[in-house]
PDB file of N, CA and C in Angstrom:
ATOM      1  N   UNK A   1      10.363  -8.003  -2.176  1.00  0.00           N
ATOM      2  CA  UNK A   1      11.088  -9.043  -1.476  1.00  0.00           C
ATOM      3  C   UNK A   1      10.113  -9.967  -0.756  1.00  0.00           C
ATOM      4  N   UNK A   2       9.048  -9.386  -0.153  1.00  0.00           N
ATOM      5  CA  UNK A   2       8.052 -10.220   0.545  1.00  0.00           C
ATOM      6  C   UNK A   2       7.451 -11.249  -0.391  1.00  0.00           C
ATOM      7  N   UNK A   3       7.150 -10.850  -1.612  1.00  0.00           N
ATOM      8  CA  UNK A   3       6.545 -11.779  -2.563  1.00  0.00           C
ATOM      9  C   UNK A   3       7.479 -12.940  -2.863  1.00  0.00           C
ATOM     10  N   UNK A   4       8.767 -12.643  -3.031  1.00  0.00           N
ATOM     11  CA  UNK A   4       9.732 -13.702  -3.298  1.00  0.00           C
ATOM     12  C   UNK A   4       9.825 -14.695  -2.150  1.00  0.00           C
ATOM     13  N   UNK A   5       9.698 -14.203  -0.916  1.00  0.00           N
ATOM     14  CA  UNK A   5       9.835 -15.054   0.270  1.00  0.00           C
ATOM     15  C   UNK A   5       8.504 -15.631   0.739  1.00  0.00           C
ATOM     16  N   UNK A   6       7.416 -15.220   0.121  1.00  0.00           N
ATOM     17  CA  UNK A   6       6.108 -15.730   0.496  1.00  0.00           C
ATOM     18  C   UNK A   6       5.505 -15.087   1.734  1.00  0.00           C
ATOM     19  N   UNK A   7       5.944 -13.886   2.074  1.00  0.00           N
ATOM     20  CA  UNK A   7       5.406 -13.168   3.227  1.00  0.00           C
ATOM     21  C   UNK A   7       4.358 -12.162   2.783  1.00  0.00           C
ATOM     22  N   UNK A   8       3.377 -11.924   3.643  1.00  0.00           N
ATOM     23  CA  UNK A   8       2.392 -10.873   3.406  1.00  0.00           C
ATOM     24  C   UNK A   8       2.902  -9.623   4.120  1.00  0.00           C
ATOM     25  N   UNK A   9       3.187  -8.541   3.416  1.00  0.00           N
ATOM     26  CA  UNK A   9       3.763  -7.341   4.049  1.00  0.00           C
ATOM     27  C   UNK A   9       2.861  -6.720   5.114  1.00  0.00           C
ATOM     28  N   UNK A  10       1.563  -7.014   5.092  1.00  0.00           N
ATOM     29  CA  UNK A  10       0.660  -6.475   6.107  1.00  0.00           C
ATOM     30  C   UNK A  10       1.020  -7.026   7.491  1.00  0.00           C
ATOM     31  N   UNK A  11       1.593  -8.238   7.539  1.00  0.00           N
ATOM     32  CA  UNK A  11       1.863  -8.896   8.807  1.00  0.00           C
ATOM     33  C   UNK A  11       3.343  -8.925   9.185  1.00  0.00           C
ATOM     34  N   UNK A  12       4.179  -8.254   8.441  1.00  0.00           N
ATOM     35  CA  UNK A  12       5.614  -8.216   8.737  1.00  0.00           C
ATOM     36  C   UNK A  12       5.910  -6.973   9.575  1.00  0.00           C
ATOM     37  N   UNK A  13       6.722  -7.117  10.602  1.00  0.00           N
ATOM     38  CA  UNK A  13       7.079  -5.990  11.469  1.00  0.00           C
ATOM     39  C   UNK A  13       7.674  -4.861  10.640  1.00  0.00           C
ATOM     40  N   UNK A  14       7.309  -3.653  10.994  1.00  0.00           N
ATOM     41  CA  UNK A  14       7.819  -2.474  10.304  1.00  0.00           C
ATOM     42  C   UNK A  14       8.018  -1.387  11.351  1.00  0.00           C
ATOM     43  N   UNK A  15       9.207  -1.338  11.900  1.00  0.00           N
ATOM     44  CA  UNK A  15       9.519  -0.412  12.985  1.00  0.00           C
ATOM     45  C   UNK A  15       9.409   1.037  12.521  1.00  0.00           C
ATOM     46  N   UNK A  16       8.981   1.880  13.426  1.00  0.00           N
ATOM     47  CA  UNK A  16       8.956   3.312  13.158  1.00  0.00           C
ATOM     48  C   UNK A  16       7.743   3.809  12.407  1.00  0.00           C
ATOM     49  N   UNK A  17       6.679   3.025  12.389  1.00  0.00           N
ATOM     50  CA  UNK A  17       5.451   3.441  11.720  1.00  0.00           C
ATOM     51  C   UNK A  17       4.355   3.625  12.746  1.00  0.00           C
ATOM     52  N   UNK A  18       3.351   4.424  12.404  1.00  0.00           N
ATOM     53  CA  UNK A  18       2.212   4.633  13.294  1.00  0.00           C
ATOM     54  C   UNK A  18       0.942   4.645  12.449  1.00  0.00           C
ATOM     55  N   UNK A  19      -0.099   4.041  12.995  1.00  0.00           N
ATOM     56  CA  UNK A  19      -1.428   4.113  12.390  1.00  0.00           C
ATOM     57  C   UNK A  19      -2.316   4.809  13.420  1.00  0.00           C
ATOM     58  N   UNK A  20      -2.960   5.878  12.999  1.00  0.00           N
ATOM     59  CA  UNK A  20      -3.813   6.654  13.913  1.00  0.00           C
ATOM     60  C   UNK A  20      -5.251   6.591  13.429  1.00  0.00           C
ATOM     61  N   UNK A  21      -6.177   6.538  14.373  1.00  0.00           N
ATOM     62  CA  UNK A  21      -7.595   6.626  14.050  1.00  0.00           C
ATOM     63  C   UNK A  21      -8.054   7.988  14.564  1.00  0.00           C
ATOM     64  N   UNK A  22      -8.497   8.840  13.640  1.00  0.00           N
ATOM     65  CA  UNK A  22      -8.839  10.224  13.957  1.00  0.00           C
ATOM     66  C   UNK A  22     -10.230  10.506  13.421  1.00  0.00           C
ATOM     67  N   UNK A  23     -11.051  11.201  14.198  1.00  0.00           N
ATOM     68  CA  UNK A  23     -12.367  11.608  13.727  1.00  0.00           C
ATOM     69  C   UNK A  23     -12.229  12.318  12.378  1.00  0.00           C
ATOM     70  N   UNK A  24     -13.105  11.988  11.450  1.00  0.00           N
ATOM     71  CA  UNK A  24     -12.995  12.520  10.080  1.00  0.00           C
ATOM     72  C   UNK A  24     -12.926  14.043  10.046  1.00  0.00           C
ATOM     73  N   UNK A  25     -13.609  14.712  10.965  1.00  0.00           N
ATOM     74  CA  UNK A  25     -13.588  16.178  10.940  1.00  0.00           C
ATOM     75  C   UNK A  25     -12.226  16.751  11.299  1.00  0.00           C
ATOM     76  N   UNK A  26     -11.361  15.953  11.924  1.00  0.00           N
ATOM     77  CA  UNK A  26     -10.018  16.414  12.296  1.00  0.00           C
ATOM     78  C   UNK A  26      -8.911  15.774  11.461  1.00  0.00           C
ATOM     79  N   UNK A  27      -9.263  14.931  10.526  1.00  0.00           N
ATOM     80  CA  UNK A  27      -8.271  14.149   9.787  1.00  0.00           C
ATOM     81  C   UNK A  27      -7.281  15.039   9.026  1.00  0.00           C
ATOM     82  N   UNK A  28      -7.755  16.014   8.296  1.00  0.00           N
ATOM     83  CA  UNK A  28      -6.842  16.868   7.528  1.00  0.00           C
ATOM     84  C   UNK A  28      -5.961  17.711   8.438  1.00  0.00           C
ATOM     85  N   UNK A  29      -6.489  18.144   9.570  1.00  0.00           N
ATOM     86  CA  UNK A  29      -5.694  18.908  10.532  1.00  0.00           C
ATOM     87  C   UNK A  29      -4.603  18.017  11.126  1.00  0.00           C
ATOM     88  N   UNK A  30      -4.957  16.792  11.494  1.00  0.00           N
ATOM     89  CA  UNK A  30      -3.974  15.856  12.047  1.00  0.00           C
ATOM     90  C   UNK A  30      -2.897  15.551  11.012  1.00  0.00           C
ATOM     91  N   UNK A  31      -3.303  15.375   9.761  1.00  0.00           N
ATOM     92  CA  UNK A  31      -2.349  15.104   8.686  1.00  0.00           C
ATOM     93  C   UNK A  31      -1.381  16.270   8.511  1.00  0.00           C
ATOM     94  N   UNK A  32      -1.895  17.488   8.564  1.00  0.00           N
ATOM     95  CA  UNK A  32      -1.031  18.666   8.420  1.00  0.00           C
ATOM     96  C   UNK A  32      -0.020  18.752   9.561  1.00  0.00           C
ATOM     97  N   UNK A  33      -0.455  18.425  10.768  1.00  0.00           N
ATOM     98  CA  UNK A  33       0.458  18.449  11.921  1.00  0.00           C
ATOM     99  C   UNK A  33       1.553  17.395  11.732  1.00  0.00           C
ATOM    100  N   UNK A  34       1.171  16.185  11.320  1.00  0.00           N
ATOM    101  CA  UNK A  34       2.174  15.134  11.111  1.00  0.00           C
ATOM    102  C   UNK A  34       3.149  15.524  10.003  1.00  0.00           C
ATOM    103  N   UNK A  35       2.643  16.076   8.922  1.00  0.00           N
ATOM    104  CA  UNK A  35       3.523  16.458   7.800  1.00  0.00           C
ATOM    105  C   UNK A  35       4.437  17.622   8.148  1.00  0.00           C
ATOM    106  N   UNK A  36       4.095  18.388   9.163  1.00  0.00           N
ATOM    107  CA  UNK A  36       4.935  19.537   9.549  1.00  0.00           C
ATOM    108  C   UNK A  36       6.194  19.085  10.280  1.00  0.00           C
ATOM    109  N   UNK A  37       6.229  17.837  10.702  1.00  0.00           N
ATOM    110  CA  UNK A  37       7.419  17.298  11.386  1.00  0.00           C
ATOM    111  C   UNK A  37       8.301  16.614  10.344  1.00  0.00           C
ATOM    112  N   UNK A  38       9.636  16.749  10.454  1.00  0.00           N
ATOM    113  CA  UNK A  38      10.535  16.139   9.462  1.00  0.00           C
ATOM    114  C   UNK A  38      10.325  14.634   9.268  1.00  0.00           C
ATOM    115  N   UNK A  39       9.920  13.915  10.310  1.00  0.00           N
ATOM    116  CA  UNK A  39       9.724  12.477  10.176  1.00  0.00           C
ATOM    117  C   UNK A  39       8.326  12.109   9.655  1.00  0.00           C
ATOM    118  N   UNK A  40       7.477  13.099   9.446  1.00  0.00           N
ATOM    119  CA  UNK A  40       6.126  12.829   8.994  1.00  0.00           C
ATOM    120  C   UNK A  40       5.800  13.382   7.627  1.00  0.00           C
ATOM    121  N   UNK A  41       6.805  13.742   6.872  1.00  0.00           N
ATOM    122  CA  UNK A  41       6.555  14.394   5.580  1.00  0.00           C
ATOM    123  C   UNK A  41       5.809  13.505   4.579  1.00  0.00           C
ATOM    124  N   UNK A  42       5.870  12.200   4.769  1.00  0.00           N
ATOM    125  CA  UNK A  42       5.191  11.283   3.858  1.00  0.00           C
ATOM    126  C   UNK A  42       3.892  10.739   4.447  1.00  0.00           C
ATOM    127  N   UNK A  43       3.389  11.354   5.522  1.00  0.00           N
ATOM    128  CA  UNK A  43       2.143  10.906   6.147  1.00  0.00           C
ATOM    129  C   UNK A  43       1.001  10.980   5.136  1.00  0.00           C
ATOM    130  N   UNK A  44       0.103  10.005   5.205  1.00  0.00           N
ATOM    131  CA  UNK A  44      -1.047   9.937   4.285  1.00  0.00           C
ATOM    132  C   UNK A  44      -2.269   9.419   5.029  1.00  0.00           C
ATOM    133  N   UNK A  45      -3.424   9.763   4.519  1.00  0.00           N
ATOM    134  CA  UNK A  45      -4.673   9.149   4.960  1.00  0.00           C
ATOM    135  C   UNK A  45      -4.834   7.891   4.121  1.00  0.00           C
ATOM    136  N   UNK A  46      -4.906   6.744   4.789  1.00  0.00           N
ATOM    137  CA  UNK A  46      -4.913   5.475   4.039  1.00  0.00           C
ATOM    138  C   UNK A  46      -6.237   4.727   4.119  1.00  0.00           C
ATOM    139  N   UNK A  47      -7.218   5.273   4.828  1.00  0.00           N
ATOM    140  CA  UNK A  47      -8.488   4.558   4.904  1.00  0.00           C
ATOM    141  C   UNK A  47      -9.556   5.359   5.616  1.00  0.00           C
ATOM    142  N   UNK A  48     -10.730   4.793   5.658  1.00  0.00           N
ATOM    143  CA  UNK A  48     -11.854   5.399   6.358  1.00  0.00           C
ATOM    144  C   UNK A  48     -12.626   4.312   7.093  1.00  0.00           C
ATOM    145  N   UNK A  49     -13.328   4.716   8.136  1.00  0.00           N
ATOM    146  CA  UNK A  49     -14.206   3.801   8.870  1.00  0.00           C
ATOM    147  C   UNK A  49     -15.607   4.034   8.345  1.00  0.00           C
ATOM    148  N   UNK A  50     -16.264   2.947   7.953  1.00  0.00           N
ATOM    149  CA  UNK A  50     -17.631   3.039   7.429  1.00  0.00           C
ATOM    150  C   UNK A  50     -18.511   2.014   8.142  1.00  0.00           C
ATOM    151  N   UNK A  51     -19.796   2.112   7.921  1.00  0.00           N
ATOM    152  CA  UNK A  51     -20.734   1.153   8.487  1.00  0.00           C
ATOM    153  C   UNK A  51     -20.940  -0.040   7.558  1.00  0.00           C
ATOM    154  N   UNK A  52     -20.273  -0.053   6.429  1.00  0.00           N
ATOM    155  CA  UNK A  52     -20.499  -1.093   5.418  1.00  0.00           C
ATOM    156  C   UNK A  52     -20.148  -2.501   5.907  1.00  0.00           C
ATOM    157  N   UNK A  53     -19.086  -2.648   6.687  1.00  0.00           N
ATOM    158  CA  UNK A  53     -18.637  -3.965   7.135  1.00  0.00           C
ATOM    159  C   UNK A  53     -18.276  -3.881   8.621  1.00  0.00           C
ATOM    160  N   UNK A  54     -19.261  -3.857   9.513  1.00  0.00           N
ATOM    161  CA  UNK A  54     -18.978  -3.701  10.942  1.00  0.00           C
ATOM    162  C   UNK A  54     -18.030  -4.791  11.464  1.00  0.00           C
ATOM    163  N   UNK A  55     -17.004  -4.362  12.194  1.00  0.00           N
ATOM    164  CA  UNK A  55     -16.079  -5.298  12.799  1.00  0.00           C
ATOM    165  C   UNK A  55     -15.047  -5.896  11.869  1.00  0.00           C
ATOM    166  N   UNK A  56     -15.004  -5.448  10.633  1.00  0.00           N
ATOM    167  CA  UNK A  56     -14.057  -5.982   9.651  1.00  0.00           C
ATOM    168  C   UNK A  56     -13.191  -4.866   9.070  1.00  0.00           C
ATOM    169  N   UNK A  57     -11.980  -5.225   8.725  1.00  0.00           N
ATOM    170  CA  UNK A  57     -11.090  -4.308   8.012  1.00  0.00           C
ATOM    171  C   UNK A  57     -10.917  -4.854   6.605  1.00  0.00           C
ATOM    172  N   UNK A  58     -11.254  -4.039   5.617  1.00  0.00           N
ATOM    173  CA  UNK A  58     -11.106  -4.416   4.208  1.00  0.00           C
ATOM    174  C   UNK A  58      -9.998  -3.583   3.599  1.00  0.00           C
ATOM    175  N   UNK A  59      -9.221  -4.192   2.723  1.00  0.00           N
ATOM    176  CA  UNK A  59      -8.107  -3.511   2.075  1.00  0.00           C
ATOM    177  C   UNK A  59      -8.277  -3.632   0.570  1.00  0.00           C
ATOM    178  N   UNK A  60      -8.007  -2.545  -0.136  1.00  0.00           N
ATOM    179  CA  UNK A  60      -7.975  -2.605  -1.600  1.00  0.00           C
ATOM    180  C   UNK A  60      -6.617  -3.159  -2.002  1.00  0.00           C
ATOM    181  N   UNK A  61      -6.614  -4.118  -2.914  1.00  0.00           N
ATOM    182  CA  UNK A  61      -5.358  -4.748  -3.341  1.00  0.00           C
ATOM    183  C   UNK A  61      -4.733  -3.966  -4.483  1.00  0.00           C
ATOM    184  N   UNK A  62      -3.498  -4.279  -4.767  1.00  0.00           N
ATOM    185  CA  UNK A  62      -2.766  -3.575  -5.832  1.00  0.00           C
ATOM    186  C   UNK A  62      -3.323  -3.880  -7.217  1.00  0.00           C
ATOM    187  N   UNK A  63      -4.126  -4.953  -7.339  1.00  0.00           N
ATOM    188  CA  UNK A  63      -4.703  -5.282  -8.645  1.00  0.00           C
ATOM    189  C   UNK A  63      -6.147  -4.836  -8.763  1.00  0.00           C
ATOM    190  N   UNK A  64      -6.635  -4.070  -7.765  1.00  0.00           N
ATOM    191  CA  UNK A  64      -7.966  -3.502  -7.850  1.00  0.00           C
ATOM    192  C   UNK A  64      -9.071  -4.252  -7.135  1.00  0.00           C
ATOM    193  N   UNK A  65      -8.748  -5.382  -6.536  1.00  0.00           N
ATOM    194  CA  UNK A  65      -9.741  -6.128  -5.777  1.00  0.00           C
ATOM    195  C   UNK A  65      -9.767  -5.658  -4.332  1.00  0.00           C
ATOM    196  N   UNK A  66     -10.403  -6.430  -3.476  1.00  0.00           N
ATOM    197  CA  UNK A  66     -10.391  -6.127  -2.051  1.00  0.00           C
ATOM    198  C   UNK A  66     -10.348  -7.441  -1.281  1.00  0.00           C
ATOM    199  N   UNK A  67      -9.855  -7.357  -0.034  1.00  0.00           N
ATOM    200  CA  UNK A  67      -9.785  -8.542   0.808  1.00  0.00           C
ATOM    201  C   UNK A  67      -9.890  -8.129   2.266  1.00  0.00           C
ATOM    202  N   UNK A  68     -10.295  -9.068   3.088  1.00  0.00           N
ATOM    203  CA  UNK A  68     -10.378  -8.828   4.531  1.00  0.00           C
ATOM    204  C   UNK A  68      -8.978  -8.906   5.112  1.00  0.00           C
ATOM    205  N   UNK A  69      -8.646  -7.980   5.996  1.00  0.00           N
ATOM    206  CA  UNK A  69      -7.386  -8.036   6.739  1.00  0.00           C
ATOM    207  C   UNK A  69      -7.704  -8.725   8.058  1.00  0.00           C
ATOM    208  N   UNK A  70      -7.278  -9.971   8.186  1.00  0.00           N
ATOM    209  CA  UNK A  70      -7.553 -10.779   9.376  1.00  0.00           C
ATOM    210  C   UNK A  70      -6.444 -10.633  10.407  1.00  0.00           C
ATOM    211  N   UNK A  71      -6.744 -11.066  11.625  1.00  0.00           N
ATOM    212  CA  UNK A  71      -5.699 -11.152  12.640  1.00  0.00           C
ATOM    213  C   UNK A  71      -4.676 -12.182  12.170  1.00  0.00           C
ATOM    214  N   UNK A  72      -3.402 -11.996  12.524  1.00  0.00           N
ATOM    215  CA  UNK A  72      -2.390 -12.968  12.108  1.00  0.00           C
ATOM    216  C   UNK A  72      -2.685 -14.361  12.654  1.00  0.00           C
ATOM    217  N   UNK A  73      -2.428 -15.381  11.849  1.00  0.00           N
ATOM    218  CA  UNK A  73      -2.591 -16.773  12.276  1.00  0.00           C
ATOM    219  C   UNK A  73      -1.224 -17.422  12.374  1.00  0.00           C
ATOM    220  N   UNK A  74      -1.049 -18.278  13.341  1.00  0.00           N
ATOM    221  CA  UNK A  74       0.225 -18.991  13.476  1.00  0.00           C
ATOM    222  C   UNK A  74       1.303 -18.119  14.081  1.00  0.00           C
ATOM    223  N   UNK A  75       2.527 -18.498  13.841  1.00  0.00           N
ATOM    224  CA  UNK A  75       3.686 -17.807  14.376  1.00  0.00           C
ATOM    225  C   UNK A  75       3.968 -16.519  13.613  1.00  0.00           C
ATOM    226  N   UNK A  76       4.228 -15.454  14.357  1.00  0.00           N
ATOM    227  CA  UNK A  76       4.641 -14.207  13.720  1.00  0.00           C
ATOM    228  C   UNK A  76       6.147 -14.223  13.576  1.00  0.00           C
ATOM    229  N   UNK A  77       6.637 -13.439  12.625  1.00  0.00           N
ATOM    230  CA  UNK A  77       8.076 -13.326  12.449  1.00  0.00           C
ATOM    231  C   UNK A  77       8.688 -12.659  13.672  1.00  0.00           C
ATOM    232  N   UNK A  78       9.889 -13.070  14.072  1.00  0.00           N
ATOM    233  CA  UNK A  78      10.513 -12.417  15.212  1.00  0.00           C
ATOM    234  C   UNK A  78      10.817 -10.963  14.903  1.00  0.00           C
ATOM    235  N   UNK A  79      10.690 -10.145  15.923  1.00  0.00           N
ATOM    236  CA  UNK A  79      10.993  -8.724  15.771  1.00  0.00           C
ATOM    237  C   UNK A  79      12.335  -8.425  16.425  1.00  0.00           C
ATOM    238  N   UNK A  80      13.172  -7.742  15.720  1.00  0.00           N
ATOM    239  CA  UNK A  80      14.488  -7.378  16.241  1.00  0.00           C
ATOM    240  C   UNK A  80      14.410  -5.912  16.660  1.00  0.00           C
ATOM    241  N   UNK A  81      14.487  -5.679  17.944  1.00  0.00           N
ATOM    242  CA  UNK A  81      14.347  -4.309  18.454  1.00  0.00           C
ATOM    243  C   UNK A  81      15.651  -3.853  19.089  1.00  0.00           C
TER     244      UNK A  81
END
């Protein structure tokens, strides 16, 4: 739907989600704890912190490329809470 409307899903509000930064030595333990809760059964490790690109967040795209995830520019979509 985002593609049809011209929105980037990275910048669209998504209530009820959490992104955690956990030391790599505890990542699997943290994942197991999250998955043990009924609301966390689909928890996944989605990235790693490396020294390759200091201060930047890079994302692998669905077509196999990569791109920088920048701070949102302009007006953000309103959030309905």
